[in-house]
Structure formats: C-alpha cells, structure tokens
Amino acid sequence: MLSYKSILVNPEEMKIHTSSVLQNIPYSLSPEVHLVSQEDNAYLLDLERGKFYGLDPMAYIMLSSILDKNVEDTVSEITQTYTVTPEQVQSDLKALLEDLEKKQLLNTTPTHLPIPSTILKTLAAMVSFAVNPSPEPNYLTVSLLLILSNLSFRLLGWSRTLWLWQQWHNQDKVTPKNIPNILDKVDHLVREAAINQPVVCRERALVGYHLLHVYYGIPAELVLGFNMYPFLVHAWVEWQGRIITDDAEHCQTFTEVTRYP
C-alpha cells in the first residue's frame, strides 16, 4: 500500500502560508495541460510551452482528487486513507496547488471561449459554405482549411481551437456505407494539400478529423500522443483502429494522452 509522503516544494520558489485555509473552489487544468499516468509514473504535459513535469505518487493522488472533487472532500479522503492529520494534508495540498498555479498549469476559472455555441455554429455553417459549397471536399478546400487550422492554432492554442472547430460538426448527418473509400480519399487529400504548406501533424489531423465529421458524418477520433525523451507531441486521426493523415508505424511509437470523439 502506498504510504503518505509529503509534497516537496522548493522554499526559494514560493512562500507557503500553512496557517491559511484553502478555498473550496473548483480547479481545472489549464487548456493546454494534460495529466497522464504511465505505469508507475505520472506527468503533467504542457503543450503550449513544450514542457512536462513529473509528479510523485502522492502529488498525483492529490491532483487527481482535486480535479474530480472539492478541497474538503480531497482532504477528508486522504486523511481517512493515510495516517496523517488534516492540517498536514491542507499544508501539502496548498503547496502543490500554489506551485501548479505559479507554473500556469492549473486554473480556477472557466477556459472555454465566452461565445454562445449557437452563434459559433451559425458562423461555422457560413464559413463552411463559403469555403466549400459543394457536398464533397476538394484540393482547394483542404488547402484553405490547412491554412485556417494553422492560424487557429497560433491564435487560440490546441484546446480552444479543437473546441471551436467542433462547433462545425453535424451530429445529424447519416454515416455513409463506403467508409474505406472515403478514408482513402480524405487521407490522400490531406497529405497532398499539406506537401506545399508549412503545416505539421496537428493541422493535418485537425483537418482530416474535420472533413470526416462535417462532410461525411463519420465519427472519427482525433488522437493526441507524446514521447518523453525528447519531448514530442503528435496528433493523428483514427477510425476503428485505422490511422489516417499519418503513418501507423510512426504513430505507434507515441504514448496516447487522450482522444477526442
């Protein structure tokens, strides 16, 4: 059984006032940050800054709990599981949360764009028709979408871009029967259009994911993976185990972080 271990914080980096009480407020990871548990190790991946941070087992337990529950429930659960006083848990938890906030890994405010989804969907429909009024995407459409995705990532980052583009998705569209042929077509279009553009895997993946959802109603998944040394993040699209917009052999070398339906 895992024993309780105090969270170590460098006193030169911050001042911890252990006497103050933690606010019972909701916490969430920053938009570009992901919590990953891999075998006996846990990490926080900061996609925006290209960094990762290791978490010791107790820090992982505390953070996982605080993202799921409130401060009061987290402290209560840990004191009941381990031989430790509520004051010690409060002190260590406060140190951890302040450290993560200082590194801009943790938020206490909403992270979505402050725009009603109905407005976004209307704008998305207008843009979609302007970019490609025909029912099938073509080379020009894909080229423009790659440019648009690149600008979107630069201005909004990964999470906000993905959330914004998902407003385009049409959940009412009937999934077609000739899916293998469609996957081949979309894969070819994205790769061909990306050759002469300064885009990387994230733009290819987002556009492939977008085309399958918007034009064909295929609920493909956008997958995010990473390698630790050197720190690399990779994105690709999957439909029932088949990888498109990238090579399967290359994607299999990355550890999956998350996938978006």
Protein backbone atom coordinates (compact mmCIF):
# COMPACT_ATOMS: atom_id res chain seq x y z
CA MET A 1 0.00 0.00 0.00
CA LEU A 2 1.23 3.47 -0.82
CA SER A 3 2.29 5.41 2.26
CA TYR A 4 1.70 9.11 2.72
CA LYS A 5 4.61 11.24 1.55
CA SER A 6 4.76 14.99 1.95
CA ILE A 7 4.90 17.07 -1.22
CA LEU A 8 8.31 18.69 -1.50
CA VAL A 9 8.30 22.33 -2.55
CA ASN A 10 11.37 24.48 -3.08
CA PRO A 11 11.09 27.25 -0.44
CA GLU A 12 13.11 29.60 -2.65
CA GLU A 13 10.45 29.47 -5.39
CA MET A 14 7.43 30.38 -3.29
CA LYS A 15 6.21 31.21 0.19
CA ILE A 16 3.66 28.85 1.68
CA HIS A 17 1.44 30.15 4.47
CA THR A 18 0.41 26.88 6.10
CA SER A 19 -1.91 28.60 8.54
CA SER A 20 -4.26 29.88 5.84
CA VAL A 21 -7.23 27.71 4.83
CA LEU A 22 -7.64 26.54 1.24
CA GLN A 23 -10.64 27.91 -0.60
CA ASN A 24 -13.19 25.28 -1.52
CA ILE A 25 -13.28 26.31 -5.20
CA PRO A 26 -13.28 24.18 -8.39
CA TYR A 27 -9.90 23.60 -10.03
CA SER A 28 -9.20 22.60 -13.61
CA LEU A 29 -6.08 22.08 -15.69
CA SER A 30 -5.09 24.92 -17.99
CA PRO A 31 -6.37 24.49 -21.57
CA GLU A 32 -3.07 23.18 -22.96
CA VAL A 33 -2.21 20.93 -20.00
CA HIS A 34 -2.89 17.18 -19.72
CA LEU A 35 -2.49 14.84 -16.77
CA VAL A 36 -1.01 11.49 -17.84
CA SER A 37 -0.46 8.34 -15.79
CA GLN A 38 2.00 5.89 -17.34
CA GLU A 39 2.77 2.69 -15.43
CA ASP A 40 4.30 3.87 -12.12
CA ASN A 41 4.86 7.45 -13.29
CA ALA A 42 2.60 10.48 -13.66
CA TYR A 43 3.21 13.65 -15.64
CA LEU A 44 1.69 17.00 -16.46
CA LEU A 45 2.17 17.80 -20.15
CA ASP A 46 2.18 21.48 -21.07
CA LEU A 47 1.58 21.54 -24.82
CA GLU A 48 1.75 25.32 -25.11
CA ARG A 49 5.27 25.58 -23.68
CA GLY A 50 6.55 22.18 -24.76
CA LYS A 51 7.34 21.06 -21.20
CA PHE A 52 6.45 18.19 -18.91
CA TYR A 53 6.53 17.90 -15.12
CA GLY A 54 6.88 14.71 -13.10
CA LEU A 55 4.54 14.08 -10.17
CA ASP A 56 5.32 11.85 -7.21
CA PRO A 57 2.58 9.34 -6.30
CA MET A 58 1.00 11.48 -3.58
CA ALA A 59 1.03 14.60 -5.74
CA TYR A 60 -0.76 12.60 -8.46
CA ILE A 61 -3.37 11.36 -5.97
CA MET A 62 -3.95 14.88 -4.66
CA LEU A 63 -4.21 16.45 -8.09
CA SER A 64 -6.47 13.72 -9.50
CA SER A 65 -8.76 14.10 -6.50
CA ILE A 66 -8.90 17.89 -6.58
CA LEU A 67 -9.84 17.84 -10.29
CA ASP A 68 -12.68 15.43 -9.51
CA LYS A 69 -13.80 16.69 -6.14
CA ASN A 70 -13.53 19.79 -3.97
CA VAL A 71 -10.84 20.64 -1.43
CA GLU A 72 -12.86 19.49 1.57
CA ASP A 73 -13.58 16.05 0.10
CA THR A 74 -9.98 15.63 -1.04
CA VAL A 75 -8.58 16.39 2.42
CA SER A 76 -11.15 14.10 4.06
CA GLU A 77 -10.43 11.22 1.69
CA ILE A 78 -6.65 11.39 2.14
CA THR A 79 -6.79 11.66 5.94
CA GLN A 80 -9.06 8.60 6.05
CA THR A 81 -6.77 6.60 3.77
CA TYR A 82 -3.40 7.52 5.26
CA THR A 83 -2.13 8.12 8.80
CA VAL A 84 -1.85 11.89 8.53
CA THR A 85 -3.54 14.91 10.07
CA PRO A 86 -5.91 17.18 8.13
CA GLU A 87 -3.52 20.07 8.84
CA GLN A 88 -0.64 18.27 7.13
CA VAL A 89 -2.79 17.43 4.10
CA GLN A 90 -4.02 21.03 3.93
CA SER A 91 -0.45 22.31 4.04
CA ASP A 92 0.84 19.92 1.36
CA LEU A 93 -2.18 20.39 -0.86
CA LYS A 94 -1.87 24.16 -0.65
CA ALA A 95 1.81 23.95 -1.56
CA LEU A 96 1.05 21.75 -4.56
CA LEU A 97 -1.81 23.90 -5.87
CA GLU A 98 0.12 27.14 -5.50
CA ASP A 99 3.10 25.63 -7.29
CA LEU A 100 0.91 24.46 -10.19
CA GLU A 101 -0.84 27.83 -10.41
CA LYS A 102 2.51 29.61 -10.41
CA LYS A 103 3.61 27.46 -13.35
CA GLN A 104 0.27 28.24 -15.06
CA LEU A 105 -0.71 24.57 -15.11
CA LEU A 106 -3.88 24.98 -13.06
CA ASN A 107 -6.90 27.27 -13.34
CA THR A 108 -9.77 28.30 -11.11
CA THR A 109 -11.74 29.99 -13.90
CA PRO A 110 -13.61 28.62 -16.98
CA THR A 111 -11.42 28.02 -20.03
CA HIS A 112 -13.96 28.00 -22.88
CA LEU A 113 -14.41 30.88 -25.25
CA PRO A 114 -17.09 33.29 -23.96
CA ILE A 115 -19.20 32.94 -27.12
CA PRO A 116 -22.58 31.17 -27.23
CA SER A 117 -22.41 27.89 -29.14
CA THR A 118 -25.44 28.82 -31.29
CA ILE A 119 -23.57 31.85 -32.66
CA LEU A 120 -20.49 29.74 -33.29
CA LYS A 121 -22.49 27.09 -35.13
CA THR A 122 -24.11 29.72 -37.36
CA LEU A 123 -20.72 31.27 -38.16
CA ALA A 124 -19.25 27.81 -38.75
CA ALA A 125 -22.01 26.96 -41.23
CA MET A 126 -21.43 30.23 -43.11
CA VAL A 127 -17.68 29.67 -43.25
CA SER A 128 -18.13 26.06 -44.32
CA PHE A 129 -20.39 27.06 -47.23
CA ALA A 130 -18.03 29.87 -48.27
CA VAL A 131 -15.01 27.57 -48.22
CA ASN A 132 -16.70 24.65 -49.95
CA PRO A 133 -20.33 24.94 -51.16
CA SER A 134 -20.21 21.50 -52.79
CA PRO A 135 -21.09 18.35 -50.80
CA GLU A 136 -17.60 16.88 -51.39
CA PRO A 137 -14.30 18.47 -50.29
CA ASN A 138 -11.70 19.20 -52.94
CA TYR A 139 -7.99 20.05 -53.04
CA LEU A 140 -8.61 23.81 -52.75
CA THR A 141 -10.94 23.32 -49.79
CA VAL A 142 -8.41 21.21 -47.92
CA SER A 143 -5.61 23.68 -48.67
CA LEU A 144 -7.67 26.55 -47.26
CA LEU A 145 -8.64 24.52 -44.20
CA LEU A 146 -4.98 23.74 -43.50
CA ILE A 147 -4.17 27.46 -43.61
CA LEU A 148 -7.15 28.20 -41.37
CA SER A 149 -6.15 25.49 -38.89
CA ASN A 150 -2.60 26.84 -38.70
CA LEU A 151 -3.88 30.34 -37.91
CA SER A 152 -6.33 28.93 -35.38
CA PHE A 153 -3.61 27.05 -33.50
CA ARG A 154 -1.35 30.10 -33.46
CA LEU A 155 -4.07 32.39 -32.12
CA LEU A 156 -6.04 30.08 -29.83
CA GLY A 157 -3.86 27.10 -28.93
CA TRP A 158 -4.79 23.42 -29.07
CA SER A 159 -7.80 23.10 -26.77
CA ARG A 160 -9.65 26.25 -27.81
CA THR A 161 -9.03 25.50 -31.49
CA LEU A 162 -10.40 21.99 -31.14
CA TRP A 163 -13.45 23.20 -29.22
CA LEU A 164 -14.12 25.89 -31.83
CA TRP A 165 -13.80 23.54 -34.80
CA GLN A 166 -16.09 21.01 -33.16
CA GLN A 167 -18.90 23.56 -33.44
CA TRP A 168 -18.83 22.75 -37.15
CA HIS A 169 -19.68 19.09 -36.61
CA ASN A 170 -23.08 17.94 -37.78
CA GLN A 171 -24.34 15.23 -35.42
CA ASP A 172 -27.43 14.60 -37.59
CA LYS A 173 -25.52 13.54 -40.70
CA VAL A 174 -26.01 9.88 -41.67
CA THR A 175 -22.80 7.83 -41.65
CA PRO A 176 -22.15 6.55 -45.22
CA LYS A 177 -21.59 2.91 -46.17
CA ASN A 178 -18.44 3.26 -48.28
CA ILE A 179 -16.25 4.33 -45.37
CA PRO A 180 -12.95 2.67 -46.52
CA ASN A 181 -13.06 4.60 -49.81
CA ILE A 182 -13.83 7.85 -48.00
CA LEU A 183 -10.94 7.32 -45.58
CA ASP A 184 -8.60 6.77 -48.54
CA LYS A 185 -9.86 9.93 -50.22
CA VAL A 186 -9.56 12.14 -47.15
CA ASP A 187 -6.13 10.75 -46.29
CA HIS A 188 -4.89 11.42 -49.82
CA LEU A 189 -6.39 14.93 -49.99
CA VAL A 190 -4.88 15.99 -46.65
CA ARG A 191 -1.42 14.60 -47.40
CA GLU A 192 -1.38 16.08 -50.93
CA ALA A 193 -2.50 19.53 -49.81
CA ALA A 194 -0.05 19.57 -46.90
CA ILE A 195 3.03 18.97 -49.05
CA ASN A 196 3.48 22.61 -50.09
CA GLN A 197 2.35 24.19 -46.81
CA PRO A 198 4.21 24.95 -43.56
CA VAL A 199 1.97 22.67 -41.51
CA VAL A 200 2.70 19.79 -39.15
CA CYS A 201 0.80 16.79 -37.79
CA ARG A 202 -1.68 18.81 -35.72
CA GLU A 203 -3.02 20.72 -38.76
CA ARG A 204 -3.24 17.55 -40.86
CA ALA A 205 -5.02 15.72 -38.05
CA LEU A 206 -7.46 18.53 -37.32
CA VAL A 207 -8.41 18.95 -40.99
CA GLY A 208 -8.80 15.20 -41.54
CA TYR A 209 -10.93 14.94 -38.39
CA HIS A 210 -12.97 17.94 -39.56
CA LEU A 211 -13.58 16.57 -43.06
CA LEU A 212 -14.76 13.19 -41.82
CA HIS A 213 -17.19 14.71 -39.32
CA VAL A 214 -18.54 17.62 -41.38
CA TYR A 215 -18.72 16.25 -44.91
CA TYR A 216 -19.31 12.56 -44.30
CA GLY A 217 -20.71 12.21 -40.78
CA ILE A 218 -18.00 9.68 -39.84
CA PRO A 219 -17.34 9.96 -36.08
CA ALA A 220 -13.57 9.54 -36.34
CA GLU A 221 -11.38 10.27 -33.31
CA LEU A 222 -8.58 12.81 -33.06
CA VAL A 223 -5.76 11.25 -31.02
CA LEU A 224 -3.00 13.04 -29.11
CA GLY A 225 0.20 11.21 -28.13
CA PHE A 226 3.63 12.04 -26.76
CA ASN A 227 7.21 10.84 -26.38
CA MET A 228 9.15 11.77 -23.26
CA TYR A 229 12.80 11.91 -24.43
CA PRO A 230 13.00 14.03 -26.46
CA PHE A 231 9.67 15.62 -25.56
CA LEU A 232 7.50 15.36 -28.67
CA VAL A 233 3.73 15.63 -29.12
CA HIS A 234 1.99 14.03 -32.09
CA ALA A 235 -1.59 14.07 -33.42
CA TRP A 236 -3.41 11.79 -35.84
CA VAL A 237 -6.91 10.58 -36.77
CA GLU A 238 -8.37 7.11 -36.18
CA TRP A 239 -11.48 5.31 -37.30
CA GLN A 240 -11.98 1.89 -35.70
CA GLY A 241 -8.25 1.32 -35.38
CA ARG A 242 -7.29 2.62 -38.82
CA ILE A 243 -4.93 5.62 -38.77
CA ILE A 244 -5.23 8.34 -41.41
CA THR A 245 -3.35 11.61 -42.08
CA ASP A 246 -0.20 9.83 -40.87
CA ASP A 247 1.68 6.53 -40.96
CA ALA A 248 0.58 3.87 -38.48
CA GLU A 249 4.16 2.78 -37.75
CA HIS A 250 5.09 6.33 -36.76
CA CYS A 251 2.02 6.90 -34.56
CA GLN A 252 2.53 3.64 -32.69
CA THR A 253 5.81 4.96 -31.26
CA PHE A 254 3.86 7.57 -29.24
CA THR A 255 2.08 7.04 -25.93
CA GLU A 256 -1.56 8.09 -26.12
CA VAL A 257 -2.56 11.09 -23.99
CA THR A 258 -6.19 11.46 -24.96
CA ARG A 259 -8.62 11.10 -27.84
CA TYR A 260 -11.47 13.33 -28.95
CA PRO A 261 -14.64 11.79 -30.46
